Amino acid sequence: MSWMFTLIAGRDFINVRPSLLDDVSWFRPYIETCTATKMPFADTGAVESFVEFPAPEHFGPLLERYRAWAG
């Protein structure tokens, strides 16, 4: 069993994991989290990177940067 998505209770936020879909050719990661524990060879190519999970106050600016990036 794998999680395809995460709903965060009390927030308007859904985290989708497209890497679990059959066709990932359309997908480029924007954010990676918890990089303090990633393997040295694990490069996602994500635009944003966080050593831990970002604090709630980071989400507003992060979403604005994502909107600008995604067009």
N, C-alpha and C. Protein backbone atom coordinates (compact mmCIF):
# COMPACT_ATOMS: atom_id res chain seq x y z
N MET A 1 0.84 -1.17 0.00
CA MET A 1 0.00 0.00 0.00
C MET A 1 0.89 1.24 0.00
N SER A 2 0.62 2.16 -0.90
CA SER A 2 1.36 3.41 -0.98
C SER A 2 0.38 4.58 -0.96
N TRP A 3 0.82 5.68 -0.43
CA TRP A 3 -0.02 6.87 -0.41
C TRP A 3 0.09 7.60 -1.73
N MET A 4 -1.03 7.79 -2.40
CA MET A 4 -1.06 8.56 -3.65
C MET A 4 -1.15 10.05 -3.35
N PHE A 5 -1.79 10.38 -2.23
CA PHE A 5 -1.95 11.78 -1.86
C PHE A 5 -2.14 11.88 -0.35
N THR A 6 -2.00 13.09 0.16
CA THR A 6 -2.21 13.36 1.58
C THR A 6 -3.14 14.55 1.71
N LEU A 7 -4.19 14.39 2.50
CA LEU A 7 -5.06 15.51 2.87
C LEU A 7 -4.65 15.96 4.26
N ILE A 8 -4.39 17.23 4.42
CA ILE A 8 -4.00 17.75 5.73
C ILE A 8 -5.23 18.35 6.38
N ALA A 9 -5.66 17.76 7.49
CA ALA A 9 -6.88 18.17 8.18
C ALA A 9 -6.83 19.64 8.57
N GLY A 10 -7.92 20.34 8.32
CA GLY A 10 -8.02 21.74 8.70
C GLY A 10 -7.34 22.71 7.76
N ARG A 11 -6.78 22.20 6.66
CA ARG A 11 -6.11 23.06 5.68
C ARG A 11 -6.63 22.77 4.28
N ASP A 12 -6.56 23.75 3.44
CA ASP A 12 -6.91 23.56 2.03
C ASP A 12 -5.66 23.15 1.29
N PHE A 13 -5.18 21.94 1.59
CA PHE A 13 -3.90 21.49 1.05
C PHE A 13 -3.98 20.01 0.74
N ILE A 14 -3.63 19.64 -0.47
CA ILE A 14 -3.54 18.24 -0.87
C ILE A 14 -2.16 18.02 -1.47
N ASN A 15 -1.45 17.05 -0.95
CA ASN A 15 -0.13 16.70 -1.45
C ASN A 15 -0.28 15.47 -2.34
N VAL A 16 -0.07 15.63 -3.65
CA VAL A 16 -0.19 14.53 -4.60
C VAL A 16 1.21 14.00 -4.91
N ARG A 17 1.34 12.70 -4.97
CA ARG A 17 2.63 12.07 -5.27
C ARG A 17 2.60 11.49 -6.69
N PRO A 18 2.87 12.32 -7.70
CA PRO A 18 2.80 11.83 -9.07
C PRO A 18 3.84 10.77 -9.39
N SER A 19 4.86 10.65 -8.59
CA SER A 19 5.86 9.61 -8.85
C SER A 19 5.27 8.21 -8.74
N LEU A 20 4.09 8.09 -8.15
CA LEU A 20 3.42 6.80 -8.05
C LEU A 20 2.48 6.52 -9.22
N LEU A 21 2.35 7.48 -10.14
CA LEU A 21 1.48 7.29 -11.30
C LEU A 21 2.23 6.54 -12.41
N ASP A 22 1.49 5.99 -13.34
CA ASP A 22 2.09 5.23 -14.43
C ASP A 22 2.95 6.10 -15.35
N ASP A 23 2.47 7.30 -15.67
CA ASP A 23 3.19 8.19 -16.58
C ASP A 23 3.64 9.43 -15.83
N VAL A 24 4.92 9.56 -15.60
CA VAL A 24 5.45 10.72 -14.87
C VAL A 24 6.22 11.67 -15.80
N SER A 25 6.08 11.48 -17.11
CA SER A 25 6.83 12.30 -18.06
C SER A 25 6.44 13.77 -18.00
N TRP A 26 5.24 14.07 -17.52
CA TRP A 26 4.74 15.44 -17.46
C TRP A 26 5.18 16.16 -16.19
N PHE A 27 5.79 15.45 -15.26
CA PHE A 27 6.01 15.96 -13.91
C PHE A 27 7.45 16.37 -13.68
N ARG A 28 7.64 17.55 -13.07
CA ARG A 28 8.94 17.98 -12.58
C ARG A 28 8.76 18.43 -11.13
N PRO A 29 9.50 17.88 -10.18
CA PRO A 29 9.32 18.25 -8.77
C PRO A 29 9.61 19.72 -8.53
N TYR A 30 8.79 20.34 -7.71
CA TYR A 30 9.02 21.73 -7.34
C TYR A 30 9.65 21.82 -5.95
N ILE A 31 9.23 20.96 -5.03
CA ILE A 31 9.71 21.03 -3.65
C ILE A 31 10.12 19.65 -3.16
N GLU A 32 11.19 19.61 -2.40
CA GLU A 32 11.58 18.39 -1.68
C GLU A 32 11.76 18.77 -0.22
N THR A 33 11.40 17.85 0.66
CA THR A 33 11.48 18.10 2.09
C THR A 33 12.31 17.03 2.78
N CYS A 34 12.70 17.32 3.99
CA CYS A 34 13.45 16.38 4.83
C CYS A 34 14.74 15.92 4.15
N THR A 35 15.45 16.84 3.53
CA THR A 35 16.66 16.49 2.80
C THR A 35 17.83 16.15 3.72
N ALA A 36 17.68 16.40 5.01
CA ALA A 36 18.74 16.04 5.95
C ALA A 36 18.99 14.54 5.96
N THR A 37 17.98 13.76 5.57
CA THR A 37 18.12 12.31 5.61
C THR A 37 18.14 11.66 4.23
N LYS A 38 18.24 12.46 3.17
CA LYS A 38 18.24 11.85 1.84
C LYS A 38 19.62 11.28 1.52
N MET A 39 19.64 10.29 0.66
CA MET A 39 20.89 9.69 0.23
C MET A 39 21.62 10.64 -0.73
N PRO A 40 22.93 10.66 -0.72
CA PRO A 40 23.69 11.58 -1.57
C PRO A 40 23.39 11.45 -3.06
N PHE A 41 23.01 10.26 -3.51
CA PHE A 41 22.73 10.04 -4.93
C PHE A 41 21.30 10.38 -5.32
N ALA A 42 20.44 10.69 -4.35
CA ALA A 42 19.03 10.94 -4.61
C ALA A 42 18.82 12.40 -4.99
N ASP A 43 18.87 12.69 -6.28
CA ASP A 43 18.68 14.04 -6.78
C ASP A 43 17.32 14.14 -7.46
N THR A 44 16.44 14.96 -6.91
CA THR A 44 15.10 15.10 -7.49
C THR A 44 15.02 16.19 -8.54
N GLY A 45 15.97 17.12 -8.51
CA GLY A 45 15.89 18.26 -9.41
C GLY A 45 14.87 19.29 -8.98
N ALA A 46 14.40 19.17 -7.74
CA ALA A 46 13.39 20.10 -7.23
C ALA A 46 13.94 21.52 -7.16
N VAL A 47 13.06 22.48 -7.40
CA VAL A 47 13.42 23.90 -7.36
C VAL A 47 13.66 24.36 -5.92
N GLU A 48 12.78 23.95 -5.02
CA GLU A 48 12.87 24.33 -3.61
C GLU A 48 13.28 23.10 -2.79
N SER A 49 14.10 23.33 -1.78
CA SER A 49 14.59 22.23 -0.95
C SER A 49 14.59 22.67 0.51
N PHE A 50 14.11 21.79 1.38
CA PHE A 50 14.06 22.07 2.81
C PHE A 50 14.70 20.92 3.58
N VAL A 51 15.52 21.25 4.54
CA VAL A 51 16.18 20.24 5.38
C VAL A 51 15.15 19.47 6.20
N GLU A 52 14.16 20.14 6.69
CA GLU A 52 13.04 19.54 7.42
C GLU A 52 11.76 19.84 6.63
N PHE A 53 10.61 19.56 7.24
CA PHE A 53 9.35 19.96 6.63
C PHE A 53 9.17 21.45 6.88
N PRO A 54 8.78 22.25 5.88
CA PRO A 54 8.67 23.69 6.08
C PRO A 54 7.64 24.06 7.14
N ALA A 55 7.94 25.12 7.86
CA ALA A 55 7.01 25.64 8.87
C ALA A 55 5.80 26.24 8.17
N PRO A 56 4.65 26.27 8.84
CA PRO A 56 3.43 26.80 8.22
C PRO A 56 3.59 28.19 7.61
N GLU A 57 4.39 29.04 8.20
CA GLU A 57 4.56 30.39 7.67
C GLU A 57 5.31 30.42 6.34
N HIS A 58 5.96 29.34 5.97
CA HIS A 58 6.65 29.26 4.68
C HIS A 58 5.71 28.94 3.52
N PHE A 59 4.52 28.39 3.82
CA PHE A 59 3.65 27.93 2.75
C PHE A 59 3.09 29.04 1.87
N GLY A 60 2.72 30.16 2.45
CA GLY A 60 2.20 31.28 1.64
C GLY A 60 3.21 31.73 0.60
N PRO A 61 4.42 32.15 1.03
CA PRO A 61 5.43 32.54 0.05
C PRO A 61 5.83 31.41 -0.90
N LEU A 62 5.88 30.19 -0.40
CA LEU A 62 6.23 29.05 -1.24
C LEU A 62 5.20 28.85 -2.35
N LEU A 63 3.92 28.95 -2.02
CA LEU A 63 2.87 28.81 -3.03
C LEU A 63 2.92 29.95 -4.04
N GLU A 64 3.24 31.15 -3.61
CA GLU A 64 3.38 32.27 -4.54
C GLU A 64 4.54 32.03 -5.52
N ARG A 65 5.65 31.54 -5.02
CA ARG A 65 6.78 31.24 -5.89
C ARG A 65 6.44 30.10 -6.86
N TYR A 66 5.67 29.11 -6.36
CA TYR A 66 5.24 28.02 -7.24
C TYR A 66 4.34 28.54 -8.36
N ARG A 67 3.39 29.41 -8.01
CA ARG A 67 2.50 29.97 -9.03
C ARG A 67 3.28 30.70 -10.11
N ALA A 68 4.29 31.48 -9.70
CA ALA A 68 5.11 32.21 -10.67
C ALA A 68 5.90 31.23 -11.53
N TRP A 69 6.41 30.17 -10.92
CA TRP A 69 7.21 29.17 -11.63
C TRP A 69 6.34 28.37 -12.62
N ALA A 70 5.16 27.97 -12.16
CA ALA A 70 4.29 27.10 -12.96
C ALA A 70 3.57 27.88 -14.07
N GLY A 71 3.51 29.20 -13.91
CA GLY A 71 2.87 30.02 -14.93
C GLY A 71 1.39 30.00 -14.79
